[in-house]
Amino acid sequence: MTTLAGSGNPDRVEEPTRIAASEVKQRGWRGVMRTVRQKGTVVVTNHSEPEAVILDVERYEALLQAAQRIETRMEADLEALR
């Protein structure tokens, strides 16, 4: 599984940090969010299987903007074919 890199470049892809659900309980919300701020994205696992992804608002907004750019490009390409 890959996600946006912690470097702030929305087009670069790298492996996210994984944290077991039991470790999330131990660290608490502040500890998990500290990791999110440091690493960019955290995958919470349950029995080694991905269960949830936590990312900061900036990264979430970057994903939305990237999706919007792709959608706009696709619509323009489809319109050009008509």
Protein backbone atom coordinates (compact mmCIF):
# COMPACT_ATOMS: atom_id res chain seq x y z
CA MET A 1 0.00 0.00 0.00
CA THR A 2 1.31 3.46 -0.84
CA THR A 3 0.35 7.00 -0.06
CA LEU A 4 1.49 10.56 -0.43
CA ALA A 5 5.01 11.10 0.76
CA GLY A 6 5.82 13.00 3.91
CA SER A 7 7.88 15.43 1.84
CA GLY A 8 4.84 17.52 0.93
CA ASN A 9 5.05 16.56 -2.75
CA PRO A 10 1.54 15.31 -3.60
CA ASP A 11 2.80 13.48 -6.70
CA ARG A 12 5.48 11.44 -4.92
CA VAL A 13 4.50 8.04 -3.53
CA GLU A 14 6.13 6.11 -0.69
CA GLU A 15 5.24 3.45 1.86
CA PRO A 16 3.32 4.89 4.85
CA THR A 17 4.17 4.27 8.50
CA ARG A 18 2.20 1.39 10.01
CA ILE A 19 1.04 1.27 13.62
CA ALA A 20 -0.81 -1.62 15.26
CA ALA A 21 -4.17 -0.75 16.82
CA SER A 22 -2.83 -1.91 20.20
CA GLU A 23 0.02 0.60 19.87
CA VAL A 24 -2.49 3.36 19.03
CA LYS A 25 -4.21 2.60 22.33
CA GLN A 26 -0.88 2.81 24.17
CA ARG A 27 0.27 6.04 22.50
CA GLY A 28 -3.08 7.78 22.73
CA TRP A 29 -4.35 10.37 20.26
CA ARG A 30 -1.52 12.85 20.92
CA GLY A 31 1.12 10.21 20.30
CA VAL A 32 -0.51 9.07 17.07
CA MET A 33 -0.90 12.64 15.83
CA ARG A 34 2.75 13.33 16.63
CA THR A 35 3.63 10.45 14.29
CA VAL A 36 1.22 11.78 11.65
CA ARG A 37 2.91 15.20 11.81
CA GLN A 38 6.36 13.57 11.51
CA LYS A 39 5.57 10.94 8.88
CA GLY A 40 2.61 12.44 7.02
CA THR A 41 0.38 9.40 6.93
CA VAL A 42 -0.20 6.50 9.30
CA VAL A 43 -1.88 3.19 8.52
CA VAL A 44 -3.49 1.61 11.57
CA THR A 45 -3.40 -2.17 11.38
CA ASN A 46 -5.38 -4.87 13.14
CA HIS A 47 -3.67 -8.27 13.11
CA SER A 48 -1.23 -6.88 10.50
CA GLU A 49 -4.07 -5.95 8.13
CA PRO A 50 -4.72 -2.29 7.24
CA GLU A 51 -7.84 -1.04 8.96
CA ALA A 52 -7.66 2.76 8.82
CA VAL A 53 -5.55 5.59 7.44
CA ILE A 54 -4.87 8.78 9.40
CA LEU A 55 -3.56 11.85 7.61
CA ASP A 56 -3.39 15.51 8.46
CA VAL A 57 -5.82 18.03 7.00
CA GLU A 58 -3.18 19.53 4.69
CA ARG A 59 -2.52 16.14 3.13
CA TYR A 60 -6.26 15.42 2.84
CA GLU A 61 -6.83 18.74 1.07
CA ALA A 62 -3.91 18.01 -1.28
CA LEU A 63 -5.55 14.68 -2.17
CA LEU A 64 -8.86 16.41 -2.89
CA GLN A 65 -7.15 19.00 -5.08
CA ALA A 66 -5.25 16.32 -6.99
CA ALA A 67 -8.47 14.38 -7.56
CA GLN A 68 -10.17 17.56 -8.79
CA ARG A 69 -7.33 18.25 -11.24
CA ILE A 70 -7.60 14.72 -12.60
CA GLU A 71 -11.38 14.98 -12.92
CA THR A 72 -11.10 18.32 -14.73
CA ARG A 73 -8.48 16.90 -17.10
CA MET A 74 -10.63 13.83 -17.82
CA GLU A 75 -13.69 15.98 -18.51
CA ALA A 76 -11.67 18.14 -20.92
CA ASP A 77 -10.34 15.04 -22.69
CA LEU A 78 -13.85 13.61 -23.03
CA GLU A 79 -15.18 16.92 -24.33
CA ALA A 80 -12.40 17.02 -26.91
CA LEU A 81 -13.50 13.60 -28.17
CA ARG A 82 -17.07 14.75 -28.76
